[in-house]
N, C-alpha and C. Protein backbone atom coordinates (compact mmCIF):
# COMPACT_ATOMS: atom_id res chain seq x y z
N UNK A 1 101.00 111.53 98.13
CA UNK A 1 100.59 110.28 98.74
C UNK A 1 99.07 110.13 98.60
N UNK A 2 98.65 108.94 98.33
CA UNK A 2 97.23 108.66 98.16
C UNK A 2 96.57 108.41 99.51
N UNK A 3 95.31 108.80 99.61
CA UNK A 3 94.51 108.46 100.78
C UNK A 3 93.14 108.01 100.28
N UNK A 4 92.27 107.63 101.18
CA UNK A 4 90.98 107.09 100.79
C UNK A 4 90.17 108.09 99.97
N UNK A 5 90.18 109.35 100.39
CA UNK A 5 89.43 110.38 99.66
C UNK A 5 89.97 110.55 98.24
N UNK A 6 91.30 110.66 98.11
CA UNK A 6 91.87 110.88 96.78
C UNK A 6 91.70 109.64 95.89
N UNK A 7 91.70 108.45 96.48
CA UNK A 7 91.46 107.24 95.69
C UNK A 7 90.03 107.24 95.15
N UNK A 8 89.08 107.62 95.98
CA UNK A 8 87.69 107.68 95.52
C UNK A 8 87.55 108.72 94.41
N UNK A 9 88.16 109.88 94.57
CA UNK A 9 88.12 110.90 93.53
C UNK A 9 88.75 110.40 92.23
N UNK A 10 89.88 109.71 92.34
CA UNK A 10 90.58 109.13 91.18
C UNK A 10 89.66 108.14 90.45
N UNK A 11 89.05 107.24 91.20
CA UNK A 11 88.18 106.23 90.61
C UNK A 11 86.91 106.85 90.02
N UNK A 12 86.35 107.83 90.70
CA UNK A 12 85.16 108.51 90.19
C UNK A 12 85.46 109.24 88.88
N UNK A 13 86.63 109.83 88.79
CA UNK A 13 87.03 110.53 87.57
C UNK A 13 87.13 109.55 86.40
N UNK A 14 87.73 108.40 86.65
CA UNK A 14 87.82 107.37 85.61
C UNK A 14 86.42 106.93 85.20
N UNK A 15 85.57 106.67 86.19
CA UNK A 15 84.20 106.23 85.89
C UNK A 15 83.43 107.29 85.11
N UNK A 16 83.60 108.55 85.47
CA UNK A 16 82.92 109.63 84.76
C UNK A 16 83.33 109.66 83.29
N UNK A 17 84.62 109.51 83.03
CA UNK A 17 85.12 109.48 81.65
C UNK A 17 84.57 108.28 80.89
N UNK A 18 84.58 107.13 81.52
CA UNK A 18 84.06 105.92 80.89
C UNK A 18 82.58 106.09 80.57
N UNK A 19 81.82 106.55 81.52
CA UNK A 19 80.37 106.69 81.35
C UNK A 19 80.04 107.66 80.21
N UNK A 20 80.83 108.70 80.08
CA UNK A 20 80.60 109.69 79.02
C UNK A 20 80.91 109.13 77.64
N UNK A 21 81.85 108.19 77.55
CA UNK A 21 82.32 107.70 76.25
C UNK A 21 81.78 106.33 75.84
N UNK A 22 81.35 105.52 76.77
CA UNK A 22 80.95 104.15 76.45
C UNK A 22 79.60 104.14 75.74
N UNK A 23 79.51 103.39 74.64
CA UNK A 23 78.23 103.34 73.92
C UNK A 23 77.14 102.57 74.68
N UNK A 24 77.53 101.60 75.48
CA UNK A 24 76.56 100.83 76.26
C UNK A 24 77.09 100.65 77.68
N UNK A 25 76.20 100.25 78.58
CA UNK A 25 76.62 100.01 79.95
C UNK A 25 77.55 98.79 80.03
N UNK A 26 77.31 97.77 79.22
CA UNK A 26 78.20 96.61 79.18
C UNK A 26 79.61 97.02 78.74
N UNK A 27 79.69 97.90 77.76
CA UNK A 27 80.99 98.41 77.34
C UNK A 27 81.66 99.17 78.48
N UNK A 28 80.87 99.96 79.20
CA UNK A 28 81.42 100.71 80.33
C UNK A 28 82.02 99.77 81.36
N UNK A 29 81.34 98.68 81.65
CA UNK A 29 81.86 97.73 82.64
C UNK A 29 83.14 97.06 82.13
N UNK A 30 83.20 96.77 80.84
CA UNK A 30 84.43 96.22 80.26
C UNK A 30 85.57 97.23 80.35
N UNK A 31 85.27 98.46 80.07
CA UNK A 31 86.28 99.51 80.13
C UNK A 31 86.76 99.74 81.56
N UNK A 32 85.88 99.50 82.52
CA UNK A 32 86.28 99.62 83.93
C UNK A 32 87.36 98.60 84.26
N UNK A 33 87.20 97.40 83.74
CA UNK A 33 88.21 96.36 83.94
C UNK A 33 89.55 96.80 83.35
N UNK A 34 89.51 97.27 82.12
CA UNK A 34 90.73 97.71 81.43
C UNK A 34 91.37 98.90 82.15
N UNK A 35 90.54 99.83 82.60
CA UNK A 35 91.07 101.02 83.27
C UNK A 35 91.73 100.66 84.60
N UNK A 36 91.08 99.79 85.35
CA UNK A 36 91.67 99.36 86.62
C UNK A 36 92.98 98.62 86.37
N UNK A 37 92.98 97.75 85.38
CA UNK A 37 94.17 96.95 85.08
C UNK A 37 95.35 97.82 84.65
N UNK A 38 95.07 98.93 83.99
CA UNK A 38 96.14 99.81 83.52
C UNK A 38 96.48 100.94 84.48
N UNK A 39 95.85 100.96 85.63
CA UNK A 39 96.10 102.03 86.59
C UNK A 39 97.54 102.01 87.10
N UNK A 40 98.08 103.18 87.31
CA UNK A 40 99.43 103.29 87.87
C UNK A 40 99.53 102.64 89.25
N UNK A 41 98.42 102.58 89.97
CA UNK A 41 98.41 101.98 91.30
C UNK A 41 98.40 100.45 91.23
N UNK A 42 98.16 99.92 90.05
CA UNK A 42 98.16 98.48 89.84
C UNK A 42 99.46 98.02 89.21
N UNK A 43 100.02 98.81 88.32
CA UNK A 43 101.20 98.36 87.58
C UNK A 43 102.53 98.69 88.27
N UNK A 44 102.52 99.62 89.20
CA UNK A 44 103.76 99.97 89.92
C UNK A 44 103.66 99.51 91.36
N UNK A 45 104.60 98.67 91.77
CA UNK A 45 104.58 98.09 93.11
C UNK A 45 104.52 99.16 94.20
N UNK A 46 105.35 100.18 94.09
CA UNK A 46 105.40 101.21 95.15
C UNK A 46 104.05 101.90 95.30
N UNK A 47 103.40 102.19 94.19
CA UNK A 47 102.08 102.84 94.26
C UNK A 47 101.03 101.89 94.82
N UNK A 48 101.12 100.61 94.47
CA UNK A 48 100.19 99.62 95.03
C UNK A 48 100.36 99.53 96.54
N UNK A 49 101.61 99.53 96.99
CA UNK A 49 101.86 99.47 98.43
C UNK A 49 101.34 100.72 99.14
N UNK A 50 101.53 101.89 98.53
CA UNK A 50 100.99 103.13 99.11
C UNK A 50 99.48 103.04 99.25
N UNK A 51 98.82 102.56 98.21
CA UNK A 51 97.37 102.43 98.26
C UNK A 51 96.96 101.48 99.39
N UNK A 52 97.64 100.35 99.49
CA UNK A 52 97.30 99.36 100.52
C UNK A 52 97.54 99.91 101.93
N UNK A 53 98.57 100.72 102.09
CA UNK A 53 98.89 101.29 103.41
C UNK A 53 97.95 102.41 103.82
N UNK A 54 97.47 103.18 102.85
CA UNK A 54 96.79 104.43 103.18
C UNK A 54 95.30 104.48 102.88
N UNK A 55 94.75 103.41 102.33
CA UNK A 55 93.35 103.43 101.94
C UNK A 55 92.62 102.21 102.51
N UNK A 56 91.32 102.32 102.56
CA UNK A 56 90.48 101.17 102.90
C UNK A 56 90.55 100.21 101.73
N UNK A 57 91.03 99.01 101.95
CA UNK A 57 91.18 98.03 100.88
C UNK A 57 90.28 96.81 101.09
N UNK A 58 89.20 97.00 101.78
CA UNK A 58 88.30 95.89 102.08
C UNK A 58 87.84 95.19 100.80
N UNK A 59 87.40 95.95 99.82
CA UNK A 59 86.92 95.35 98.57
C UNK A 59 88.04 94.68 97.80
N UNK A 60 89.22 95.26 97.83
CA UNK A 60 90.37 94.67 97.16
C UNK A 60 90.79 93.36 97.81
N UNK A 61 90.76 93.33 99.13
CA UNK A 61 91.11 92.11 99.84
C UNK A 61 90.08 91.01 99.58
N UNK A 62 88.80 91.38 99.52
CA UNK A 62 87.76 90.40 99.20
C UNK A 62 87.94 89.86 97.79
N UNK A 63 88.31 90.73 96.85
CA UNK A 63 88.57 90.31 95.48
C UNK A 63 89.69 89.28 95.44
N UNK A 64 90.78 89.54 96.14
CA UNK A 64 91.90 88.60 96.15
C UNK A 64 91.49 87.29 96.81
N UNK A 65 90.76 87.35 97.90
CA UNK A 65 90.32 86.13 98.59
C UNK A 65 89.42 85.28 97.70
N UNK A 66 88.54 85.93 96.93
CA UNK A 66 87.62 85.20 96.06
C UNK A 66 88.29 84.66 94.80
N UNK A 67 89.17 85.42 94.21
CA UNK A 67 89.73 85.07 92.89
C UNK A 67 91.09 84.39 92.94
N UNK A 68 91.82 84.57 94.02
CA UNK A 68 93.20 84.06 94.08
C UNK A 68 93.49 83.28 95.35
N UNK A 69 92.48 82.68 95.95
CA UNK A 69 92.67 82.03 97.24
C UNK A 69 93.69 80.89 97.19
N UNK A 70 93.79 80.22 96.07
CA UNK A 70 94.72 79.10 95.95
C UNK A 70 95.97 79.45 95.16
N UNK A 71 96.17 80.73 94.89
CA UNK A 71 97.30 81.16 94.08
C UNK A 71 98.41 81.71 94.95
N UNK A 72 99.58 81.06 94.91
CA UNK A 72 100.71 81.65 95.66
C UNK A 72 101.14 82.96 94.98
N UNK A 73 101.44 83.95 95.80
CA UNK A 73 101.87 85.23 95.23
C UNK A 73 102.84 85.91 96.17
N UNK A 74 103.67 86.74 95.59
CA UNK A 74 104.62 87.52 96.37
C UNK A 74 103.90 88.67 97.04
N UNK A 75 104.60 89.31 97.93
CA UNK A 75 104.09 90.50 98.61
C UNK A 75 103.70 91.57 97.59
N UNK A 76 104.57 91.78 96.59
CA UNK A 76 104.31 92.77 95.56
C UNK A 76 103.08 92.40 94.72
N UNK A 77 102.99 91.13 94.33
CA UNK A 77 101.84 90.68 93.54
C UNK A 77 100.54 90.86 94.32
N UNK A 78 100.57 90.55 95.59
CA UNK A 78 99.36 90.68 96.41
C UNK A 78 98.94 92.15 96.49
N UNK A 79 99.88 93.05 96.69
CA UNK A 79 99.55 94.48 96.76
C UNK A 79 98.92 94.96 95.45
N UNK A 80 99.47 94.53 94.33
CA UNK A 80 98.93 94.94 93.02
C UNK A 80 97.53 94.38 92.80
N UNK A 81 97.31 93.16 93.22
CA UNK A 81 95.98 92.55 93.05
C UNK A 81 94.95 93.19 93.98
N UNK A 82 95.37 93.50 95.19
CA UNK A 82 94.46 94.21 96.09
C UNK A 82 94.12 95.58 95.51
N UNK A 83 95.13 96.28 95.01
CA UNK A 83 94.90 97.60 94.41
C UNK A 83 93.94 97.49 93.23
N UNK A 84 94.15 96.48 92.37
CA UNK A 84 93.26 96.28 91.24
C UNK A 84 91.82 96.07 91.72
N UNK A 85 91.63 95.16 92.65
CA UNK A 85 90.29 94.86 93.15
C UNK A 85 89.61 96.08 93.75
N UNK A 86 90.37 96.86 94.49
CA UNK A 86 89.81 98.06 95.12
C UNK A 86 89.42 99.10 94.07
N UNK A 87 90.31 99.36 93.14
CA UNK A 87 90.04 100.36 92.10
C UNK A 87 88.89 99.90 91.21
N UNK A 88 88.90 98.66 90.79
CA UNK A 88 87.82 98.15 89.94
C UNK A 88 86.48 98.27 90.64
N UNK A 89 86.41 97.88 91.88
CA UNK A 89 85.14 97.94 92.61
C UNK A 89 84.64 99.37 92.79
N UNK A 90 85.56 100.29 93.03
CA UNK A 90 85.14 101.69 93.17
C UNK A 90 84.66 102.27 91.85
N UNK A 91 85.35 101.95 90.76
CA UNK A 91 84.90 102.41 89.44
C UNK A 91 83.53 101.80 89.13
N UNK A 92 83.40 100.51 89.37
CA UNK A 92 82.15 99.81 89.10
C UNK A 92 80.99 100.41 89.92
N UNK A 93 81.24 100.69 91.17
CA UNK A 93 80.19 101.26 92.02
C UNK A 93 79.73 102.61 91.48
N UNK A 94 80.66 103.43 91.05
CA UNK A 94 80.31 104.74 90.49
C UNK A 94 79.52 104.58 89.20
N UNK A 95 79.94 103.63 88.34
CA UNK A 95 79.22 103.39 87.09
C UNK A 95 77.79 102.93 87.36
N UNK A 96 77.62 102.03 88.32
CA UNK A 96 76.28 101.56 88.66
C UNK A 96 75.41 102.72 89.16
N UNK A 97 75.98 103.57 90.00
CA UNK A 97 75.22 104.70 90.53
C UNK A 97 74.83 105.66 89.41
N UNK A 98 75.74 105.91 88.49
CA UNK A 98 75.44 106.81 87.38
C UNK A 98 74.39 106.20 86.46
N UNK A 99 74.46 104.90 86.25
CA UNK A 99 73.47 104.21 85.42
C UNK A 99 72.09 104.28 86.05
N UNK A 100 72.03 104.10 87.36
CA UNK A 100 70.76 104.18 88.08
C UNK A 100 70.19 105.60 88.00
N UNK A 101 71.04 106.60 88.15
CA UNK A 101 70.59 108.00 88.05
C UNK A 101 70.03 108.30 86.66
N UNK A 102 70.70 107.78 85.65
CA UNK A 102 70.27 108.02 84.27
C UNK A 102 68.93 107.32 83.99
N UNK A 103 68.75 106.15 84.56
CA UNK A 103 67.52 105.39 84.35
C UNK A 103 66.31 106.01 85.07
N UNK A 104 66.59 106.74 86.13
CA UNK A 104 65.49 107.32 86.94
C UNK A 104 64.87 108.54 86.31
């Protein structure tokens, strides 16, 4: 079962791999989108629901409110979109932090 700590570790691991392989920071941010979109927590309803039940999804909920406020969606679709937003934001935050560390 996923929890907030393991979700952060999962996202940090993805970000670490992206940062090591991306030729530019812009590429890294694009790859973050692709990685979040292909995450098992985004493509499988049961995993998305587990993430929503057991983790802080504040960033994911804000993502859905900003990007899909007028879009009707099922319970399953909402869980997947919240999971995507949460994972993407956590990967992005790690990438930004790593970029700042490298620049310093």
